C-alpha atoms as a PDB file:
ATOM      1  CA  MET A   1      -5.680   2.255  -7.733  1.00  0.00           C
ATOM      2  CA  THR A   2      -5.568  -1.592  -9.514  1.00  0.00           C
ATOM      3  CA  PRO A   3      -4.557  -0.981 -12.294  1.00  0.00           C
ATOM      4  CA  ILE A   4      -1.504   0.941 -10.639  1.00  0.00           C
ATOM      5  CA  VAL A   5      -0.734  -1.555  -7.471  1.00  0.00           C
ATOM      6  CA  ASP A   6      -1.078  -4.120 -10.458  1.00  0.00           C
ATOM      7  CA  GLY A   7       2.063  -1.993 -12.004  1.00  0.00           C
ATOM      8  CA  LEU A   8       3.943  -1.244  -9.146  1.00  0.00           C
ATOM      9  CA  GLU A   9       3.210  -5.320  -7.770  1.00  0.00           C
ATOM     10  CA  GLN A  10       4.825  -5.992 -11.610  1.00  0.00           C
ATOM     11  CA  GLN A  11       7.818  -3.866 -11.219  1.00  0.00           C
ATOM     12  CA  TYR A  12       8.882  -4.477  -7.717  1.00  0.00           C
ATOM     13  CA  ARG A  13       7.721  -7.787  -7.446  1.00  0.00           C
ATOM     14  CA  ASP A  14      11.336  -9.213  -5.709  1.00  0.00           C
ATOM     15  CA  THR A  15      11.895  -7.000  -3.842  1.00  0.00           C
ATOM     16  CA  VAL A  16       8.490  -6.098  -1.771  1.00  0.00           C
ATOM     17  CA  ALA A  17       5.332  -7.542  -1.209  1.00  0.00           C
ATOM     18  CA  PHE A  18       2.225  -6.512  -1.474  1.00  0.00           C
ATOM     19  CA  LYS A  19      -1.023  -7.396   0.463  1.00  0.00           C
ATOM     20  CA  ARG A  20      -4.072  -6.152  -0.720  1.00  0.00           C
ATOM     21  CA  ILE A  21      -7.502  -6.308   1.169  1.00  0.00           C
ATOM     22  CA  ASN A  22     -11.053  -5.835   0.746  1.00  0.00           C
ATOM     23  CA  ALA A  23     -12.687  -2.714   2.563  1.00  0.00           C
ATOM     24  CA  ILE A  24     -15.754  -4.442   3.491  1.00  0.00           C
ATOM     25  CA  GLU A  25     -14.798  -8.612   3.402  1.00  0.00           C
ATOM     26  CA  GLY A  26     -13.726 -10.992   5.394  1.00  0.00           C
ATOM     27  CA  ASN A  27     -11.158  -9.436   7.504  1.00  0.00           C
ATOM     28  CA  GLY A  28     -11.430  -5.632   6.144  1.00  0.00           C
ATOM     29  CA  PRO A  29     -13.205  -4.183   8.350  1.00  0.00           C
ATOM     30  CA  ALA A  30     -11.120  -4.603  11.047  1.00  0.00           C
ATOM     31  CA  ILE A  31      -7.504  -4.384   9.602  1.00  0.00           C
ATOM     32  CA  MET A  32      -9.552  -0.736   7.996  1.00  0.00           C
ATOM     33  CA  GLN A  33     -10.107  -0.096  11.754  1.00  0.00           C
ATOM     34  CA  ALA A  34      -6.467  -1.619  13.477  1.00  0.00           C
ATOM     35  CA  TYR A  35      -4.478   0.739  11.366  1.00  0.00           C
ATOM     36  CA  ARG A  36      -7.374   3.856  11.440  1.00  0.00           C
ATOM     37  CA  LEU A  37      -8.042   3.867   8.041  1.00  0.00           C
ATOM     38  CA  PRO A  38     -10.733   6.688   6.467  1.00  0.00           C
ATOM     39  CA  GLY A  39     -11.938   4.302   2.927  1.00  0.00           C
ATOM     40  CA  HIS A  40     -10.510   3.800   0.948  1.00  0.00           C
ATOM     41  CA  PRO A  41      -8.416   3.509  -1.829  1.00  0.00           C
ATOM     42  CA  VAL A  42      -5.212   3.799   0.641  1.00  0.00           C
ATOM     43  CA  THR A  43      -2.208   2.601  -0.037  1.00  0.00           C
ATOM     44  CA  LEU A  44      -0.040   2.061   3.683  1.00  0.00           C
ATOM     45  CA  ILE A  45       3.894   1.542   2.968  1.00  0.00           C
ATOM     46  CA  PHE A  46       6.427  -0.074   5.493  1.00  0.00           C
ATOM     47  CA  ASN A  47       9.482  -1.060   6.652  1.00  0.00           C
ATOM     48  CA  ALA A  48      11.391  -4.171   6.738  1.00  0.00           C
ATOM     49  CA  ASP A  49      10.700  -4.139  10.827  1.00  0.00           C
ATOM     50  CA  GLY A  50       6.772  -4.342   9.911  1.00  0.00           C
ATOM     51  CA  ARG A  51       6.710  -0.043  10.701  1.00  0.00           C
ATOM     52  CA  GLU A  52       4.729   1.945   8.966  1.00  0.00           C
ATOM     53  CA  VAL A  53       6.703   4.767   6.822  1.00  0.00           C
ATOM     54  CA  GLN A  54       4.138   6.385   4.555  1.00  0.00           C
ATOM     55  CA  ARG A  55       0.056   6.077   4.089  1.00  0.00           C
ATOM     56  CA  PHE A  56      -1.509   7.886   0.902  1.00  0.00           C
ATOM     57  CA  VAL A  57      -5.590   8.378   0.811  1.00  0.00           C
ATOM     58  CA  GLY A  58      -6.816   8.731  -1.577  1.00  0.00           C
ATOM     59  CA  PRO A  59      -5.365   7.318  -5.431  1.00  0.00           C
ATOM     60  CA  GLN A  60      -2.005   8.556  -6.062  1.00  0.00           C
ATOM     61  CA  PRO A  61      -0.098   8.467  -9.920  1.00  0.00           C
ATOM     62  CA  ILE A  62       2.132   5.836  -9.701  1.00  0.00           C
ATOM     63  CA  GLU A  63       5.170   7.552 -10.164  1.00  0.00           C
ATOM     64  CA  VAL A  64       4.048   8.969  -6.289  1.00  0.00           C
ATOM     65  CA  VAL A  65       4.123   5.880  -4.805  1.00  0.00           C
ATOM     66  CA  ALA A  66       7.211   4.143  -7.073  1.00  0.00           C
ATOM     67  CA  ALA A  67       8.846   7.060  -5.126  1.00  0.00           C
ATOM     68  CA  GLU A  68       7.968   6.419  -1.817  1.00  0.00           C
ATOM     69  CA  LEU A  69       9.676   2.913  -2.477  1.00  0.00           C
ATOM     70  CA  ASN A  70      12.542   3.724  -4.104  1.00  0.00           C
ATOM     71  CA  LYS A  71      13.813   5.835  -0.826  1.00  0.00           C
ATOM     72  CA  LEU A  72      12.838   2.607   1.116  1.00  0.00           C
ATOM     73  CA  LEU A  73      15.278   0.514  -1.307  1.00  0.00           C
ATOM     74  CA  LYS A  74      18.226   2.337  -0.875  1.00  0.00           C
END
């Protein structure tokens, strides 16, 4: 997922904030538990109010994630 997220981050850098969490280091395990994430990779998309609006479990094509971001940005 790193290359996909890198590409999305580059494409949307002026409009979307990206946060990466390491599932096994630092506060990653607590975040995984708080959001009830089953494993990784998981991509969560939040709206401007901080509400989760989409969750992808497992690797996703860049086009799928970009389409969801575009919906939110309209």
